[in-house]
N, C-alpha and C. Protein backbone atom coordinates (compact mmCIF):
# COMPACT_ATOMS: atom_id res chain seq x y z
N MET A 1 22.10 3.51 -28.43
CA MET A 1 20.72 3.34 -28.80
C MET A 1 19.84 3.64 -27.59
N ASN A 2 18.75 4.37 -27.81
CA ASN A 2 17.87 4.78 -26.72
C ASN A 2 16.85 3.68 -26.44
N ASN A 3 16.93 3.05 -25.27
CA ASN A 3 16.02 1.97 -24.92
C ASN A 3 14.62 2.45 -24.54
N SER A 4 14.46 3.75 -24.25
CA SER A 4 13.16 4.23 -23.80
C SER A 4 12.13 4.24 -24.92
N VAL A 5 12.57 4.18 -26.17
CA VAL A 5 11.61 4.19 -27.28
C VAL A 5 11.28 2.78 -27.76
N LEU A 6 11.99 1.79 -27.26
CA LEU A 6 11.70 0.42 -27.65
C LEU A 6 10.48 -0.10 -26.90
N PRO A 7 9.63 -0.87 -27.57
CA PRO A 7 8.47 -1.42 -26.86
C PRO A 7 8.92 -2.43 -25.81
N LYS A 8 8.15 -2.54 -24.75
CA LYS A 8 8.45 -3.52 -23.72
C LYS A 8 8.21 -4.91 -24.28
N PRO A 9 8.92 -5.93 -23.77
CA PRO A 9 8.72 -7.29 -24.27
C PRO A 9 7.27 -7.72 -24.11
N GLY A 10 6.69 -8.23 -25.17
CA GLY A 10 5.32 -8.69 -25.14
C GLY A 10 4.29 -7.61 -25.38
N ALA A 11 4.71 -6.34 -25.40
CA ALA A 11 3.76 -5.24 -25.56
C ALA A 11 3.13 -5.23 -26.95
N ALA A 12 3.87 -5.69 -27.95
CA ALA A 12 3.34 -5.71 -29.31
C ALA A 12 2.20 -6.72 -29.45
N HIS A 13 2.16 -7.70 -28.59
CA HIS A 13 1.14 -8.75 -28.67
C HIS A 13 -0.08 -8.48 -27.78
N ARG A 14 -0.06 -7.35 -27.11
CA ARG A 14 -1.18 -7.02 -26.22
C ARG A 14 -2.37 -6.52 -27.02
N THR A 15 -3.53 -7.00 -26.63
CA THR A 15 -4.78 -6.49 -27.19
C THR A 15 -5.37 -5.56 -26.13
N PRO A 16 -6.40 -4.78 -26.46
CA PRO A 16 -6.99 -3.92 -25.44
C PRO A 16 -7.45 -4.69 -24.20
N GLU A 17 -7.91 -5.94 -24.37
CA GLU A 17 -8.37 -6.73 -23.24
C GLU A 17 -7.23 -7.14 -22.32
N THR A 18 -6.02 -7.33 -22.87
CA THR A 18 -4.89 -7.76 -22.07
C THR A 18 -3.99 -6.60 -21.66
N GLN A 19 -4.46 -5.39 -21.86
CA GLN A 19 -3.71 -4.21 -21.46
C GLN A 19 -3.60 -4.19 -19.94
N LEU A 20 -2.41 -3.92 -19.43
CA LEU A 20 -2.17 -3.89 -17.99
C LEU A 20 -2.21 -2.45 -17.48
N PHE A 21 -2.88 -2.25 -16.34
CA PHE A 21 -2.98 -0.94 -15.72
C PHE A 21 -2.28 -0.95 -14.37
N THR A 22 -1.64 0.16 -14.04
CA THR A 22 -1.14 0.35 -12.68
C THR A 22 -2.34 0.66 -11.78
N LYS A 23 -2.08 0.74 -10.49
CA LYS A 23 -3.17 1.07 -9.56
C LYS A 23 -3.77 2.43 -9.88
N ALA A 24 -2.93 3.41 -10.16
CA ALA A 24 -3.42 4.76 -10.47
C ALA A 24 -4.24 4.77 -11.76
N ALA A 25 -3.76 4.05 -12.77
CA ALA A 25 -4.48 4.00 -14.04
C ALA A 25 -5.79 3.23 -13.90
N ALA A 26 -5.79 2.16 -13.10
CA ALA A 26 -7.01 1.39 -12.86
C ALA A 26 -8.04 2.24 -12.14
N ALA A 27 -7.59 3.00 -11.15
CA ALA A 27 -8.50 3.88 -10.41
C ALA A 27 -9.09 4.94 -11.33
N GLU A 28 -8.27 5.49 -12.20
CA GLU A 28 -8.77 6.48 -13.15
C GLU A 28 -9.76 5.85 -14.13
N HIS A 29 -9.48 4.65 -14.59
CA HIS A 29 -10.37 3.94 -15.51
C HIS A 29 -11.74 3.69 -14.86
N LEU A 30 -11.74 3.36 -13.57
CA LEU A 30 -12.98 3.09 -12.85
C LEU A 30 -13.63 4.35 -12.28
N GLY A 31 -12.89 5.45 -12.27
CA GLY A 31 -13.43 6.70 -11.74
C GLY A 31 -13.49 6.74 -10.22
N ILE A 32 -12.50 6.12 -9.59
CA ILE A 32 -12.46 6.06 -8.13
C ILE A 32 -11.06 6.47 -7.65
N ARG A 33 -10.88 6.53 -6.35
CA ARG A 33 -9.58 6.88 -5.77
C ARG A 33 -8.69 5.63 -5.71
N PRO A 34 -7.38 5.80 -5.82
CA PRO A 34 -6.47 4.66 -5.69
C PRO A 34 -6.62 3.92 -4.36
N ARG A 35 -6.98 4.62 -3.30
CA ARG A 35 -7.16 3.97 -2.00
C ARG A 35 -8.31 2.95 -2.06
N THR A 36 -9.34 3.25 -2.84
CA THR A 36 -10.46 2.32 -3.00
C THR A 36 -9.99 1.05 -3.69
N ILE A 37 -9.08 1.18 -4.66
CA ILE A 37 -8.49 0.01 -5.33
C ILE A 37 -7.78 -0.85 -4.28
N ASP A 38 -7.02 -0.22 -3.38
CA ASP A 38 -6.34 -0.96 -2.32
C ASP A 38 -7.33 -1.72 -1.45
N ASP A 39 -8.42 -1.06 -1.08
CA ASP A 39 -9.43 -1.69 -0.23
C ASP A 39 -10.07 -2.88 -0.94
N TRP A 40 -10.44 -2.70 -2.20
CA TRP A 40 -11.09 -3.78 -2.96
C TRP A 40 -10.12 -4.94 -3.19
N ARG A 41 -8.85 -4.61 -3.42
CA ARG A 41 -7.85 -5.66 -3.64
C ARG A 41 -7.64 -6.46 -2.36
N ALA A 42 -7.58 -5.77 -1.21
CA ALA A 42 -7.40 -6.45 0.07
C ALA A 42 -8.60 -7.35 0.39
N ALA A 43 -9.79 -6.93 -0.03
CA ALA A 43 -11.00 -7.72 0.21
C ALA A 43 -11.21 -8.78 -0.88
N LYS A 44 -10.27 -8.84 -1.84
CA LYS A 44 -10.35 -9.76 -2.97
C LYS A 44 -11.64 -9.56 -3.77
N ALA A 45 -12.08 -8.31 -3.85
CA ALA A 45 -13.27 -7.98 -4.62
C ALA A 45 -12.94 -7.69 -6.08
N ILE A 46 -11.69 -7.38 -6.36
CA ILE A 46 -11.27 -7.06 -7.72
C ILE A 46 -10.01 -7.87 -8.03
N PRO A 47 -9.98 -8.55 -9.18
CA PRO A 47 -8.80 -9.36 -9.51
C PRO A 47 -7.60 -8.50 -9.89
N CYS A 48 -6.42 -9.03 -9.59
CA CYS A 48 -5.19 -8.33 -9.97
C CYS A 48 -4.09 -9.35 -10.22
N ILE A 49 -3.01 -8.86 -10.77
CA ILE A 49 -1.80 -9.66 -10.98
C ILE A 49 -0.78 -9.12 -10.00
N GLN A 50 -0.29 -9.99 -9.12
CA GLN A 50 0.64 -9.54 -8.10
C GLN A 50 1.85 -10.46 -8.06
N ARG A 51 2.99 -9.86 -8.11
CA ARG A 51 4.27 -10.57 -8.00
C ARG A 51 5.16 -9.72 -7.13
N GLY A 52 5.21 -10.02 -5.84
CA GLY A 52 5.94 -9.17 -4.91
C GLY A 52 5.24 -7.82 -4.80
N ARG A 53 5.98 -6.75 -5.04
CA ARG A 53 5.38 -5.41 -4.99
C ARG A 53 4.78 -5.00 -6.32
N TYR A 54 4.97 -5.79 -7.36
CA TYR A 54 4.44 -5.51 -8.69
C TYR A 54 2.95 -5.87 -8.72
N ILE A 55 2.11 -4.87 -8.88
CA ILE A 55 0.66 -5.09 -8.92
C ILE A 55 0.11 -4.43 -10.18
N ARG A 56 -0.60 -5.21 -10.97
CA ARG A 56 -1.20 -4.69 -12.20
C ARG A 56 -2.62 -5.25 -12.31
N PHE A 57 -3.42 -4.56 -13.11
CA PHE A 57 -4.81 -4.93 -13.31
C PHE A 57 -5.06 -5.06 -14.81
N LEU A 58 -5.70 -6.15 -15.21
CA LEU A 58 -6.05 -6.35 -16.61
C LEU A 58 -7.28 -5.50 -16.94
N ARG A 59 -7.23 -4.86 -18.09
CA ARG A 59 -8.37 -4.05 -18.51
C ARG A 59 -9.65 -4.89 -18.60
N ALA A 60 -9.53 -6.11 -19.11
CA ALA A 60 -10.70 -6.99 -19.22
C ALA A 60 -11.31 -7.27 -17.85
N ASP A 61 -10.46 -7.45 -16.82
CA ASP A 61 -10.97 -7.69 -15.46
C ASP A 61 -11.67 -6.45 -14.92
N LEU A 62 -11.12 -5.28 -15.20
CA LEU A 62 -11.75 -4.04 -14.73
C LEU A 62 -13.10 -3.83 -15.41
N ASP A 63 -13.15 -4.07 -16.72
CA ASP A 63 -14.40 -3.91 -17.46
C ASP A 63 -15.44 -4.93 -16.99
N ASP A 64 -14.99 -6.15 -16.70
CA ASP A 64 -15.89 -7.18 -16.17
C ASP A 64 -16.41 -6.78 -14.79
N PHE A 65 -15.54 -6.23 -13.96
CA PHE A 65 -15.94 -5.76 -12.64
C PHE A 65 -17.02 -4.69 -12.76
N LEU A 66 -16.84 -3.76 -13.69
CA LEU A 66 -17.84 -2.72 -13.90
C LEU A 66 -19.18 -3.30 -14.35
N SER A 67 -19.14 -4.24 -15.27
CA SER A 67 -20.39 -4.80 -15.79
C SER A 67 -21.11 -5.63 -14.72
N ARG A 68 -20.35 -6.30 -13.83
CA ARG A 68 -20.97 -7.08 -12.76
C ARG A 68 -21.64 -6.20 -11.71
N HIS A 69 -21.20 -4.96 -11.57
CA HIS A 69 -21.74 -4.06 -10.56
C HIS A 69 -22.63 -2.98 -11.16
N ARG A 70 -23.05 -3.19 -12.37
CA ARG A 70 -23.93 -2.23 -13.02
C ARG A 70 -25.36 -2.42 -12.52
N VAL A 71 -25.99 -1.34 -12.20
CA VAL A 71 -27.38 -1.36 -11.76
C VAL A 71 -28.22 -0.81 -12.90
N THR A 72 -29.17 -1.61 -13.37
CA THR A 72 -30.01 -1.17 -14.48
C THR A 72 -31.37 -0.73 -13.95
N ALA A 73 -31.98 0.18 -14.67
CA ALA A 73 -33.29 0.69 -14.30
C ALA A 73 -34.36 -0.30 -14.73
N LYS A 74 -35.45 -0.31 -14.00
CA LYS A 74 -36.59 -1.15 -14.37
C LYS A 74 -37.31 -0.50 -15.54
N PRO A 75 -37.58 -1.23 -16.61
CA PRO A 75 -38.26 -0.62 -17.75
C PRO A 75 -39.73 -0.32 -17.45
N SER A 76 -40.32 -0.97 -16.44
CA SER A 76 -41.74 -0.79 -16.16
C SER A 76 -42.02 0.39 -15.23
N SER A 77 -40.99 0.97 -14.64
CA SER A 77 -41.24 2.10 -13.74
C SER A 77 -40.58 3.35 -14.31
N PRO A 78 -41.37 4.20 -14.96
CA PRO A 78 -40.79 5.43 -15.53
C PRO A 78 -40.33 6.37 -14.42
N TYR A 79 -39.34 7.13 -14.74
CA TYR A 79 -38.78 8.07 -13.77
C TYR A 79 -39.75 9.23 -13.57
N ARG A 80 -40.03 9.52 -12.32
CA ARG A 80 -40.86 10.66 -11.96
C ARG A 80 -40.15 11.43 -10.87
N PRO A 81 -39.76 12.67 -11.13
CA PRO A 81 -39.07 13.44 -10.08
C PRO A 81 -39.96 13.64 -8.87
N ARG A 82 -39.35 13.80 -7.72
CA ARG A 82 -40.11 14.04 -6.49
C ARG A 82 -40.92 15.30 -6.60
N GLY A 83 -42.12 15.24 -6.08
CA GLY A 83 -42.97 16.42 -6.05
C GLY A 83 -43.71 16.69 -7.35
N SER A 84 -43.61 15.77 -8.31
CA SER A 84 -44.29 16.00 -9.58
C SER A 84 -45.46 15.04 -9.74
N ARG A 85 -46.31 15.01 -8.77
CA ARG A 85 -47.49 14.14 -8.83
C ARG A 85 -48.51 14.73 -9.79
N THR A 86 -49.20 13.86 -10.50
CA THR A 86 -50.16 14.34 -11.48
C THR A 86 -51.51 14.65 -10.86
N SER A 87 -51.84 14.03 -9.75
CA SER A 87 -53.13 14.31 -9.10
C SER A 87 -52.89 15.02 -7.77
N HIS A 88 -53.70 15.99 -7.49
CA HIS A 88 -53.58 16.75 -6.25
C HIS A 88 -54.75 16.43 -5.35
N ARG A 89 -54.49 16.42 -4.08
CA ARG A 89 -55.58 16.17 -3.13
C ARG A 89 -56.40 17.45 -2.94
N ALA A 90 -57.69 17.27 -2.87
CA ALA A 90 -58.56 18.43 -2.70
C ALA A 90 -58.94 18.63 -1.27
């Protein structure tokens, strides 16, 4: 019997929020380099699951990290590109 096609224990009970990512997959999910994941993990800026050399990241933690670092635009200040002033000096 081929064990490579069998689901891993507990995998059937995983929801998208409890999905585990490797460092490479977490970096891809966040759109950054794996080295940045190492730096953030060392600074304890991003949560992870670590057991010896086994390091994984919960999707919910990564999504929460993204939402905590989201910068929103001010609704009262409309975007105006540089050099597009409406009044000119005479």
